[in-house]
Full PDB file with SEQRES, HELIX, SHEET, SSBOND, CRYST1, ORIGX, SCALE, CONECT and MASTER records, all heavy atoms in Angstrom:
SEQRES   1 A   38  GLN LYS ARG LEU ARG GLU GLY ARG PRO ILE ALA LEU ILE          
SEQRES   2 A   38  ALA ASP GLU VAL GLY TYR GLU SER PRO SER ALA LEU SER          
SEQRES   3 A   38  ARG ALA PHE ARG ARG LYS VAL GLY LYS SER PRO ARG              
HELIX    1 AA1 LYS A    2  ARG A    5  1                                   4    
HELIX    2 AA2 ILE A   10  GLU A   16  1                                   7    
HELIX    3 AA3 PRO A   22  VAL A   33  1                                  12    
CRYST1    1.000    1.000    1.000  90.00  90.00  90.00 P 1           1          
ORIGX1      1.000000  0.000000  0.000000        0.00000                         
ORIGX2      0.000000  1.000000  0.000000        0.00000                         
ORIGX3      0.000000  0.000000  1.000000        0.00000                         
SCALE1      1.000000  0.000000  0.000000        0.00000                         
SCALE2      0.000000  1.000000  0.000000        0.00000                         
SCALE3      0.000000  0.000000  1.000000        0.00000                         
ATOM      1  N   GLN A   1       5.568  10.616  -9.948  1.00  0.00           N  
ATOM      2  CA  GLN A   1       6.573  11.679  -9.965  1.00  0.00           C  
ATOM      3  C   GLN A   1       6.424  12.577  -8.741  1.00  0.00           C  
ATOM      4  O   GLN A   1       7.418  12.967  -8.113  1.00  0.00           O  
ATOM      5  CB  GLN A   1       6.447  12.482 -11.253  1.00  0.00           C  
ATOM      6  CG  GLN A   1       6.875  11.696 -12.489  1.00  0.00           C  
ATOM      7  CD  GLN A   1       6.569  12.425 -13.778  1.00  0.00           C  
ATOM      8  OE1 GLN A   1       5.579  13.159 -13.879  1.00  0.00           O  
ATOM      9  NE2 GLN A   1       7.405  12.234 -14.781  1.00  0.00           N  
ATOM     10  N   LYS A   2       5.202  12.922  -8.397  1.00  0.00           N  
ATOM     11  CA  LYS A   2       4.978  13.761  -7.209  1.00  0.00           C  
ATOM     12  C   LYS A   2       5.473  13.053  -5.954  1.00  0.00           C  
ATOM     13  O   LYS A   2       6.166  13.654  -5.115  1.00  0.00           O  
ATOM     14  CB  LYS A   2       3.495  14.085  -7.074  1.00  0.00           C  
ATOM     15  CG  LYS A   2       3.134  14.861  -5.813  1.00  0.00           C  
ATOM     16  CD  LYS A   2       1.662  15.187  -5.786  1.00  0.00           C  
ATOM     17  CE  LYS A   2       1.300  15.972  -4.528  1.00  0.00           C  
ATOM     18  NZ  LYS A   2       1.282  15.102  -3.325  1.00  0.00           N  
ATOM     19  N   ARG A   3       5.148  11.784  -5.806  1.00  0.00           N  
ATOM     20  CA  ARG A   3       5.552  11.041  -4.612  1.00  0.00           C  
ATOM     21  C   ARG A   3       7.060  10.824  -4.566  1.00  0.00           C  
ATOM     22  O   ARG A   3       7.666  10.830  -3.489  1.00  0.00           O  
ATOM     23  CB  ARG A   3       4.809   9.713  -4.547  1.00  0.00           C  
ATOM     24  CG  ARG A   3       3.331   9.879  -4.141  1.00  0.00           C  
ATOM     25  CD  ARG A   3       2.505   8.672  -4.558  1.00  0.00           C  
ATOM     26  NE  ARG A   3       1.179   8.674  -3.967  1.00  0.00           N  
ATOM     27  CZ  ARG A   3       0.172   9.448  -4.356  1.00  0.00           C  
ATOM     28  NH1 ARG A   3       0.366  10.346  -5.335  1.00  0.00           N  
ATOM     29  NH2 ARG A   3      -1.022   9.360  -3.785  1.00  0.00           N  
ATOM     30  N   LEU A   4       7.688  10.622  -5.708  1.00  0.00           N  
ATOM     31  CA  LEU A   4       9.143  10.495  -5.727  1.00  0.00           C  
ATOM     32  C   LEU A   4       9.795  11.790  -5.245  1.00  0.00           C  
ATOM     33  O   LEU A   4      10.771  11.759  -4.485  1.00  0.00           O  
ATOM     34  CB  LEU A   4       9.629  10.155  -7.139  1.00  0.00           C  
ATOM     35  CG  LEU A   4       9.364   8.729  -7.635  1.00  0.00           C  
ATOM     36  CD1 LEU A   4       9.708   8.619  -9.121  1.00  0.00           C  
ATOM     37  CD2 LEU A   4      10.150   7.702  -6.827  1.00  0.00           C  
ATOM     38  N   ARG A   5       9.280  12.929  -5.695  1.00  0.00           N  
ATOM     39  CA  ARG A   5       9.811  14.215  -5.234  1.00  0.00           C  
ATOM     40  C   ARG A   5       9.672  14.360  -3.719  1.00  0.00           C  
ATOM     41  O   ARG A   5      10.479  15.016  -3.065  1.00  0.00           O  
ATOM     42  CB  ARG A   5       9.086  15.369  -5.922  1.00  0.00           C  
ATOM     43  CG  ARG A   5       9.483  15.628  -7.370  1.00  0.00           C  
ATOM     44  CD  ARG A   5       8.896  16.956  -7.810  1.00  0.00           C  
ATOM     45  NE  ARG A   5       9.275  17.322  -9.157  1.00  0.00           N  
ATOM     46  CZ  ARG A   5       8.474  17.197 -10.222  1.00  0.00           C  
ATOM     47  NH1 ARG A   5       7.259  16.693 -10.061  1.00  0.00           N  
ATOM     48  NH2 ARG A   5       8.878  17.567 -11.420  1.00  0.00           N  
ATOM     49  N   GLU A   6       8.630  13.764  -3.171  1.00  0.00           N  
ATOM     50  CA  GLU A   6       8.386  13.859  -1.738  1.00  0.00           C  
ATOM     51  C   GLU A   6       9.236  12.876  -0.929  1.00  0.00           C  
ATOM     52  O   GLU A   6       9.181  12.885   0.306  1.00  0.00           O  
ATOM     53  CB  GLU A   6       6.908  13.601  -1.452  1.00  0.00           C  
ATOM     54  CG  GLU A   6       5.986  14.671  -2.024  1.00  0.00           C  
ATOM     55  CD  GLU A   6       4.515  14.286  -1.984  1.00  0.00           C  
ATOM     56  OE1 GLU A   6       4.220  13.092  -1.741  1.00  0.00           O  
ATOM     57  OE2 GLU A   6       3.668  15.160  -2.211  1.00  0.00           O  
ATOM     58  N   GLY A   7       9.986  12.011  -1.621  1.00  0.00           N  
ATOM     59  CA  GLY A   7      10.864  11.080  -0.937  1.00  0.00           C  
ATOM     60  C   GLY A   7      10.229   9.766  -0.546  1.00  0.00           C  
ATOM     61  O   GLY A   7      10.798   9.002   0.244  1.00  0.00           O  
ATOM     62  N   ARG A   8       9.071   9.449  -1.090  1.00  0.00           N  
ATOM     63  CA  ARG A   8       8.415   8.196  -0.745  1.00  0.00           C  
ATOM     64  C   ARG A   8       9.098   7.026  -1.449  1.00  0.00           C  
ATOM     65  O   ARG A   8       9.481   7.140  -2.623  1.00  0.00           O  
ATOM     66  CB  ARG A   8       6.935   8.238  -1.122  1.00  0.00           C  
ATOM     67  CG  ARG A   8       6.132   9.221  -0.292  1.00  0.00           C  
ATOM     68  CD  ARG A   8       4.680   9.235  -0.711  1.00  0.00           C  
ATOM     69  NE  ARG A   8       4.010   7.972  -0.435  1.00  0.00           N  
ATOM     70  CZ  ARG A   8       3.528   7.613   0.741  1.00  0.00           C  
ATOM     71  NH1 ARG A   8       3.672   8.423   1.781  1.00  0.00           N  
ATOM     72  NH2 ARG A   8       2.910   6.469   0.895  1.00  0.00           N  
ATOM     73  N   PRO A   9       9.210   5.869  -0.808  1.00  0.00           N  
ATOM     74  CA  PRO A   9       9.839   4.697  -1.426  1.00  0.00           C  
ATOM     75  C   PRO A   9       8.956   4.122  -2.521  1.00  0.00           C  
ATOM     76  O   PRO A   9       7.728   4.100  -2.401  1.00  0.00           O  
ATOM     77  CB  PRO A   9      10.005   3.719  -0.268  1.00  0.00           C  
ATOM     78  CG  PRO A   9       9.010   4.147   0.754  1.00  0.00           C  
ATOM     79  CD  PRO A   9       8.856   5.631   0.606  1.00  0.00           C  
ATOM     80  N   ILE A  10       9.583   3.635  -3.570  1.00  0.00           N  
ATOM     81  CA  ILE A  10       8.834   3.180  -4.734  1.00  0.00           C  
ATOM     82  C   ILE A  10       7.976   1.962  -4.421  1.00  0.00           C  
ATOM     83  O   ILE A  10       6.931   1.750  -5.040  1.00  0.00           O  
ATOM     84  CB  ILE A  10       9.787   2.920  -5.917  1.00  0.00           C  
ATOM     85  CG1 ILE A  10       8.988   2.818  -7.226  1.00  0.00           C  
ATOM     86  CG2 ILE A  10      10.638   1.669  -5.678  1.00  0.00           C  
ATOM     87  CD1 ILE A  10       9.835   2.908  -8.454  1.00  0.00           C  
ATOM     88  N   ALA A  11       8.376   1.158  -3.445  1.00  0.00           N  
ATOM     89  CA  ALA A  11       7.578  -0.008  -3.078  1.00  0.00           C  
ATOM     90  C   ALA A  11       6.199   0.405  -2.562  1.00  0.00           C  
ATOM     91  O   ALA A  11       5.194  -0.262  -2.842  1.00  0.00           O  
ATOM     92  CB  ALA A  11       8.307  -0.840  -2.031  1.00  0.00           C  
ATOM     93  N   LEU A  12       6.131   1.488  -1.813  1.00  0.00           N  
ATOM     94  CA  LEU A  12       4.848   1.987  -1.324  1.00  0.00           C  
ATOM     95  C   LEU A  12       4.065   2.674  -2.439  1.00  0.00           C  
ATOM     96  O   LEU A  12       2.846   2.557  -2.522  1.00  0.00           O  
ATOM     97  CB  LEU A  12       5.063   2.955  -0.165  1.00  0.00           C  
ATOM     98  CG  LEU A  12       5.623   2.360   1.131  1.00  0.00           C  
ATOM     99  CD1 LEU A  12       5.799   3.453   2.173  1.00  0.00           C  
ATOM    100  CD2 LEU A  12       4.719   1.258   1.655  1.00  0.00           C  
ATOM    101  N   ILE A  13       4.773   3.395  -3.292  1.00  0.00           N  
ATOM    102  CA  ILE A  13       4.105   4.113  -4.382  1.00  0.00           C  
ATOM    103  C   ILE A  13       3.413   3.134  -5.317  1.00  0.00           C  
ATOM    104  O   ILE A  13       2.292   3.382  -5.780  1.00  0.00           O  
ATOM    105  CB  ILE A  13       5.124   4.967  -5.158  1.00  0.00           C  
ATOM    106  CG1 ILE A  13       5.738   6.031  -4.260  1.00  0.00           C  
ATOM    107  CG2 ILE A  13       4.442   5.633  -6.356  1.00  0.00           C  
ATOM    108  CD1 ILE A  13       6.872   6.805  -4.918  1.00  0.00           C  
ATOM    109  N   ALA A  14       4.059   2.015  -5.620  1.00  0.00           N  
ATOM    110  CA  ALA A  14       3.509   1.051  -6.575  1.00  0.00           C  
ATOM    111  C   ALA A  14       2.106   0.622  -6.170  1.00  0.00           C  
ATOM    112  O   ALA A  14       1.179   0.615  -6.992  1.00  0.00           O  
ATOM    113  CB  ALA A  14       4.436  -0.161  -6.687  1.00  0.00           C  
ATOM    114  N   ASP A  15       1.925   0.271  -4.923  1.00  0.00           N  
ATOM    115  CA  ASP A  15       0.616  -0.178  -4.455  1.00  0.00           C  
ATOM    116  C   ASP A  15      -0.410   0.945  -4.513  1.00  0.00           C  
ATOM    117  O   ASP A  15      -1.580   0.723  -4.853  1.00  0.00           O  
ATOM    118  CB  ASP A  15       0.741  -0.705  -3.020  1.00  0.00           C  
ATOM    119  CG  ASP A  15      -0.568  -1.263  -2.500  1.00  0.00           C  
ATOM    120  OD1 ASP A  15      -1.073  -2.226  -3.108  1.00  0.00           O  
ATOM    121  OD2 ASP A  15      -1.091  -0.729  -1.501  1.00  0.00           O  
ATOM    122  N   GLU A  16       0.006   2.162  -4.228  1.00  0.00           N  
ATOM    123  CA  GLU A  16      -0.923   3.302  -4.213  1.00  0.00           C  
ATOM    124  C   GLU A  16      -1.474   3.627  -5.588  1.00  0.00           C  
ATOM    125  O   GLU A  16      -2.589   4.153  -5.699  1.00  0.00           O  
ATOM    126  CB  GLU A  16      -0.209   4.531  -3.646  1.00  0.00           C  
ATOM    127  CG  GLU A  16       0.152   4.429  -2.181  1.00  0.00           C  
ATOM    128  CD  GLU A  16       0.997   5.600  -1.706  1.00  0.00           C  
ATOM    129  OE1 GLU A  16       1.425   6.415  -2.558  1.00  0.00           O  
ATOM    130  OE2 GLU A  16       1.224   5.700  -0.491  1.00  0.00           O  
ATOM    131  N   VAL A  17      -0.712   3.361  -6.637  1.00  0.00           N  
ATOM    132  CA  VAL A  17      -1.147   3.743  -7.984  1.00  0.00           C  
ATOM    133  C   VAL A  17      -1.508   2.542  -8.859  1.00  0.00           C  
ATOM    134  O   VAL A  17      -1.681   2.688 -10.069  1.00  0.00           O  
ATOM    135  CB  VAL A  17      -0.092   4.620  -8.684  1.00  0.00           C  
ATOM    136  CG1 VAL A  17       0.102   5.923  -7.938  1.00  0.00           C  
ATOM    137  CG2 VAL A  17       1.228   3.880  -8.835  1.00  0.00           C  
ATOM    138  N   GLY A  18      -1.630   1.355  -8.272  1.00  0.00           N  
ATOM    139  CA  GLY A  18      -2.219   0.246  -9.018  1.00  0.00           C  
ATOM    140  C   GLY A  18      -1.270  -0.731  -9.671  1.00  0.00           C  
ATOM    141  O   GLY A  18      -1.680  -1.437 -10.607  1.00  0.00           O  
ATOM    142  N   TYR A  19      -0.030  -0.823  -9.202  1.00  0.00           N  
ATOM    143  CA  TYR A  19       0.909  -1.797  -9.761  1.00  0.00           C  
ATOM    144  C   TYR A  19       1.241  -2.842  -8.697  1.00  0.00           C  
ATOM    145  O   TYR A  19       1.426  -2.527  -7.523  1.00  0.00           O  
ATOM    146  CB  TYR A  19       2.177  -1.096 -10.261  1.00  0.00           C  
ATOM    147  CG  TYR A  19       1.893  -0.205 -11.446  1.00  0.00           C  
ATOM    148  CD1 TYR A  19       1.724   1.175 -11.278  1.00  0.00           C  
ATOM    149  CD2 TYR A  19       1.733  -0.735 -12.717  1.00  0.00           C  
ATOM    150  CE1 TYR A  19       1.423   1.992 -12.354  1.00  0.00           C  
ATOM    151  CE2 TYR A  19       1.433   0.076 -13.808  1.00  0.00           C  
ATOM    152  CZ  TYR A  19       1.275   1.439 -13.618  1.00  0.00           C  
ATOM    153  OH  TYR A  19       0.969   2.236 -14.687  1.00  0.00           O  
ATOM    154  N   GLU A  20       1.329  -4.098  -9.164  1.00  0.00           N  
ATOM    155  CA  GLU A  20       1.503  -5.193  -8.229  1.00  0.00           C  
ATOM    156  C   GLU A  20       2.903  -5.283  -7.653  1.00  0.00           C  
ATOM    157  O   GLU A  20       3.131  -5.968  -6.654  1.00  0.00           O  
ATOM    158  CB  GLU A  20       1.145  -6.529  -8.890  1.00  0.00           C  
ATOM    159  CG  GLU A  20       2.070  -6.989 -10.013  1.00  0.00           C  
ATOM    160  CD  GLU A  20       1.708  -6.405 -11.375  1.00  0.00           C  
ATOM    161  OE1 GLU A  20       0.867  -5.477 -11.421  1.00  0.00           O  
ATOM    162  OE2 GLU A  20       2.256  -6.895 -12.385  1.00  0.00           O  
ATOM    163  N   SER A  21       3.861  -4.575  -8.249  1.00  0.00           N  
ATOM    164  CA  SER A  21       5.238  -4.635  -7.760  1.00  0.00           C  
ATOM    165  C   SER A  21       6.001  -3.394  -8.222  1.00  0.00           C  
ATOM    166  O   SER A  21       5.595  -2.739  -9.196  1.00  0.00           O  
ATOM    167  CB  SER A  21       5.952  -5.884  -8.297  1.00  0.00           C  
ATOM    168  OG  SER A  21       6.111  -5.796  -9.706  1.00  0.00           O  
ATOM    169  N   PRO A  22       7.113  -3.049  -7.560  1.00  0.00           N  
ATOM    170  CA  PRO A  22       7.945  -1.943  -8.014  1.00  0.00           C  
ATOM    171  C   PRO A  22       8.471  -2.149  -9.428  1.00  0.00           C  
ATOM    172  O   PRO A  22       8.596  -1.176 -10.182  1.00  0.00           O  
ATOM    173  CB  PRO A  22       9.087  -1.924  -6.994  1.00  0.00           C  
ATOM    174  CG  PRO A  22       8.499  -2.514  -5.765  1.00  0.00           C  
ATOM    175  CD  PRO A  22       7.561  -3.574  -6.247  1.00  0.00           C  
ATOM    176  N   SER A  23       8.776  -3.387  -9.802  1.00  0.00           N  
ATOM    177  CA  SER A  23       9.286  -3.633 -11.158  1.00  0.00           C  
ATOM    178  C   SER A  23       8.209  -3.365 -12.205  1.00  0.00           C  
ATOM    179  O   SER A  23       8.501  -2.828 -13.283  1.00  0.00           O  
ATOM    180  CB  SER A  23       9.814  -5.065 -11.281  1.00  0.00           C  
ATOM    181  OG  SER A  23       8.789  -6.006 -10.993  1.00  0.00           O  
ATOM    182  N   ALA A  24       6.948  -3.714 -11.895  1.00  0.00           N  
ATOM    183  CA  ALA A  24       5.857  -3.415 -12.834  1.00  0.00           C  
ATOM    184  C   ALA A  24       5.673  -1.907 -12.975  1.00  0.00           C  
ATOM    185  O   ALA A  24       5.455  -1.389 -14.081  1.00  0.00           O  
ATOM    186  CB  ALA A  24       4.571  -4.066 -12.353  1.00  0.00           C  
ATOM    187  N   LEU A  25       5.781  -1.210 -11.863  1.00  0.00           N  
ATOM    188  CA  LEU A  25       5.703   0.254 -11.919  1.00  0.00           C  
ATOM    189  C   LEU A  25       6.848   0.818 -12.747  1.00  0.00           C  
ATOM    190  O   LEU A  25       6.643   1.711 -13.580  1.00  0.00           O  
ATOM    191  CB  LEU A  25       5.740   0.824 -10.508  1.00  0.00           C  
ATOM    192  CG  LEU A  25       5.969   2.342 -10.372  1.00  0.00           C  
ATOM    193  CD1 LEU A  25       4.941   3.130 -11.153  1.00  0.00           C  
ATOM    194  CD2 LEU A  25       5.961   2.755  -8.907  1.00  0.00           C  
ATOM    195  N   SER A  26       8.055   0.332 -12.535  1.00  0.00           N  
ATOM    196  CA  SER A  26       9.216   0.838 -13.265  1.00  0.00           C  
ATOM    197  C   SER A  26       9.067   0.630 -14.760  1.00  0.00           C  
ATOM    198  O   SER A  26       9.426   1.500 -15.561  1.00  0.00           O  
ATOM    199  CB  SER A  26      10.495   0.172 -12.756  1.00  0.00           C  
ATOM    200  OG  SER A  26      10.751   0.547 -11.422  1.00  0.00           O  
ATOM    201  N   ARG A  27       8.531  -0.513 -15.165  1.00  0.00           N  
ATOM    202  CA  ARG A  27       8.337  -0.774 -16.600  1.00  0.00           C  
ATOM    203  C   ARG A  27       7.330   0.206 -17.194  1.00  0.00           C  
ATOM    204  O   ARG A  27       7.540   0.752 -18.282  1.00  0.00           O  
ATOM    205  CB  ARG A  27       7.871  -2.213 -16.813  1.00  0.00           C  
ATOM    206  CG  ARG A  27       8.950  -3.260 -16.568  1.00  0.00           C  
ATOM    207  CD  ARG A  27       8.524  -4.614 -17.107  1.00  0.00           C  
ATOM    208  NE  ARG A  27       7.345  -5.141 -16.417  1.00  0.00           N  
ATOM    209  CZ  ARG A  27       7.380  -5.869 -15.308  1.00  0.00           C  
ATOM    210  NH1 ARG A  27       8.548  -6.148 -14.728  1.00  0.00           N  
ATOM    211  NH2 ARG A  27       6.253  -6.324 -14.763  1.00  0.00           N  
ATOM    212  N   ALA A  28       6.218   0.425 -16.488  1.00  0.00           N  
ATOM    213  CA  ALA A  28       5.207   1.367 -16.980  1.00  0.00           C  
ATOM    214  C   ALA A  28       5.763   2.785 -17.016  1.00  0.00           C  
ATOM    215  O   ALA A  28       5.514   3.545 -17.966  1.00  0.00           O  
ATOM    216  CB  ALA A  28       3.965   1.302 -16.091  1.00  0.00           C  
ATOM    217  N   PHE A  29       6.511   3.159 -15.997  1.00  0.00           N  
ATOM    218  CA  PHE A  29       7.105   4.494 -15.919  1.00  0.00           C  
ATOM    219  C   PHE A  29       8.069   4.710 -17.082  1.00  0.00           C  
ATOM    220  O   PHE A  29       8.039   5.757 -17.744  1.00  0.00           O  
ATOM    221  CB  PHE A  29       7.834   4.629 -14.580  1.00  0.00           C  
ATOM    222  CG  PHE A  29       8.254   6.038 -14.243  1.00  0.00           C  
ATOM    223  CD1 PHE A  29       7.484   6.811 -13.392  1.00  0.00           C  
ATOM    224  CD2 PHE A  29       9.421   6.587 -14.750  1.00  0.00           C  
ATOM    225  CE1 PHE A  29       7.865   8.107 -13.053  1.00  0.00           C  
ATOM    226  CE2 PHE A  29       9.815   7.880 -14.422  1.00  0.00           C  
ATOM    227  CZ  PHE A  29       9.029   8.637 -13.576  1.00  0.00           C  
ATOM    228  N   ARG A  30       8.915   3.726 -17.349  1.00  0.00           N  
ATOM    229  CA  ARG A  30       9.874   3.860 -18.453  1.00  0.00           C  
ATOM    230  C   ARG A  30       9.161   3.952 -19.795  1.00  0.00           C  
ATOM    231  O   ARG A  30       9.583   4.690 -20.691  1.00  0.00           O  
ATOM    232  CB  ARG A  30      10.853   2.686 -18.449  1.00  0.00           C  
ATOM    233  CG  ARG A  30      11.939   2.798 -19.506  1.00  0.00           C  
ATOM    234  CD  ARG A  30      12.875   1.606 -19.484  1.00  0.00           C  
ATOM    235  NE  ARG A  30      13.744   1.617 -18.312  1.00  0.00           N  
ATOM    236  CZ  ARG A  30      14.878   2.308 -18.248  1.00  0.00           C  
ATOM    237  NH1 ARG A  30      15.267   3.070 -19.266  1.00  0.00           N  
ATOM    238  NH2 ARG A  30      15.616   2.242 -17.161  1.00  0.00           N  
ATOM    239  N   ARG A  31       8.073   3.193 -19.939  1.00  0.00           N  
ATOM    240  CA  ARG A  31       7.320   3.236 -21.191  1.00  0.00           C  
ATOM    241  C   ARG A  31       6.763   4.634 -21.452  1.00  0.00           C  
ATOM    242  O   ARG A  31       6.717   5.093 -22.595  1.00  0.00           O  
ATOM    243  CB  ARG A  31       6.189   2.206 -21.127  1.00  0.00           C  
ATOM    244  CG  ARG A  31       5.439   2.012 -22.435  1.00  0.00           C  
ATOM    245  CD  ARG A  31       4.610   0.747 -22.427  1.00  0.00           C  
ATOM    246  NE  ARG A  31       3.460   0.834 -21.535  1.00  0.00           N  
ATOM    247  CZ  ARG A  31       3.320   0.153 -20.411  1.00  0.00           C  
ATOM    248  NH1 ARG A  31       4.288  -0.656 -19.998  1.00  0.00           N  
ATOM    249  NH2 ARG A  31       2.232   0.299 -19.669  1.00  0.00           N  
ATOM    250  N   LYS A  32       6.360   5.327 -20.392  1.00  0.00           N  
ATOM    251  CA  LYS A  32       5.772   6.661 -20.545  1.00  0.00           C  
ATOM    252  C   LYS A  32       6.826   7.756 -20.610  1.00  0.00           C  
ATOM    253  O   LYS A  32       6.712   8.688 -21.418  1.00  0.00           O  
ATOM    254  CB  LYS A  32       4.823   6.929 -19.368  1.00  0.00           C  
ATOM    255  CG  LYS A  32       4.122   8.278 -19.401  1.00  0.00           C  
ATOM    256  CD  LYS A  32       3.119   8.335 -20.537  1.00  0.00           C  
ATOM    257  CE  LYS A  32       2.325   9.638 -20.491  1.00  0.00           C  
ATOM    258  NZ  LYS A  32       1.367   9.733 -21.604  1.00  0.00           N  
ATOM    259  N   VAL A  33       7.850   7.670 -19.753  1.00  0.00           N  
ATOM    260  CA  VAL A  33       8.806   8.764 -19.569  1.00  0.00           C  
ATOM    261  C   VAL A  33      10.102   8.550 -20.337  1.00  0.00           C  
ATOM    262  O   VAL A  33      10.792   9.515 -20.695  1.00  0.00           O  
ATOM    263  CB  VAL A  33       9.085   8.966 -18.058  1.00  0.00           C  
ATOM    264  CG1 VAL A  33      10.086  10.078 -17.812  1.00  0.00           C  
ATOM    265  CG2 VAL A  33       7.783   9.248 -17.315  1.00  0.00           C  
ATOM    266  N   GLY A  34      10.446   7.287 -20.587  1.00  0.00           N  
ATOM    267  CA  GLY A  34      11.708   6.993 -21.264  1.00  0.00           C  
ATOM    268  C   GLY A  34      12.867   6.795 -20.309  1.00  0.00           C  
ATOM    269  O   GLY A  34      14.005   6.588 -20.741  1.00  0.00           O  
ATOM    270  N   LYS A  35      12.602   6.857 -19.003  1.00  0.00           N  
ATOM    271  CA  LYS A  35      13.620   6.652 -17.978  1.00  0.00           C  
ATOM    272  C   LYS A  35      13.006   5.848 -16.850  1.00  0.00           C  
ATOM    273  O   LYS A  35      11.766   5.833 -16.673  1.00  0.00           O  
ATOM    274  CB  LYS A  35      14.120   7.990 -17.412  1.00  0.00           C  
ATOM    275  CG  LYS A  35      14.777   8.920 -18.419  1.00  0.00           C  
ATOM    276  CD  LYS A  35      15.149  10.247 -17.756  1.00  0.00           C  
ATOM    277  CE  LYS A  35      15.796  11.191 -18.761  1.00  0.00           C  
ATOM    278  NZ  LYS A  35      16.104  12.508 -18.150  1.00  0.00           N  
ATOM    279  N   SER A  36      13.855   5.215 -16.051  1.00  0.00           N  
ATOM    280  CA  SER A  36      13.362   4.566 -14.843  1.00  0.00           C  
ATOM    281  C   SER A  36      13.015   5.641 -13.816  1.00  0.00           C  
ATOM    282  O   SER A  36      13.473   6.788 -13.923  1.00  0.00           O  
ATOM    283  CB  SER A  36      14.432   3.633 -14.272  1.00  0.00           C  
ATOM    284  OG  SER A  36      15.491   4.394 -13.698  1.00  0.00           O  
ATOM    285  N   PRO A  37      12.207   5.295 -12.812  1.00  0.00           N  
ATOM    286  CA  PRO A  37      11.917   6.288 -11.759  1.00  0.00           C  
ATOM    287  C   PRO A  37      13.179   6.852 -11.117  1.00  0.00           C  
ATOM    288  O   PRO A  37      13.260   8.062 -10.858  1.00  0.00           O  
ATOM    289  CB  PRO A  37      11.073   5.495 -10.754  1.00  0.00           C  
ATOM    290  CG  PRO A  37      10.403   4.446 -11.581  1.00  0.00           C  
ATOM    291  CD  PRO A  37      11.401   4.070 -12.632  1.00  0.00           C  
ATOM    292  N   ARG A  38      14.162   6.004 -10.852  1.00  0.00           N  
ATOM    293  CA  ARG A  38      15.393   6.476 -10.234  1.00  0.00           C  
ATOM    294  C   ARG A  38      16.141   7.439 -11.159  1.00  0.00           C  
ATOM    295  O   ARG A  38      16.626   8.491 -10.722  1.00  0.00           O  
ATOM    296  CB  ARG A  38      16.298   5.287  -9.888  1.00  0.00           C  
ATOM    297  CG  ARG A  38      17.541   5.673  -9.084  1.00  0.00           C  
ATOM    298  CD  ARG A  38      18.434   4.456  -8.874  1.00  0.00           C  
ATOM    299  NE  ARG A  38      17.734   3.405  -8.152  1.00  0.00           N  
ATOM    300  CZ  ARG A  38      17.636   3.344  -6.832  1.00  0.00           C  
ATOM    301  NH1 ARG A  38      18.205   4.287  -6.083  1.00  0.00           N  
ATOM    302  NH2 ARG A  38      16.996   2.357  -6.243  1.00  0.00           N  
TER     303      ARG A  38                                                      
MASTER        0    0    0    3    0    0    0    6  302    1    0    3          
END                                                                             
């Protein structure tokens, strides 16, 4: 969430926080927040 506010692309964020792909990050994000990152 912090990196999204800063305008960083999700493809770079995924690797920084331990997900093998943006889609894996999006699934985990939705599971926690109830929405996609976008």
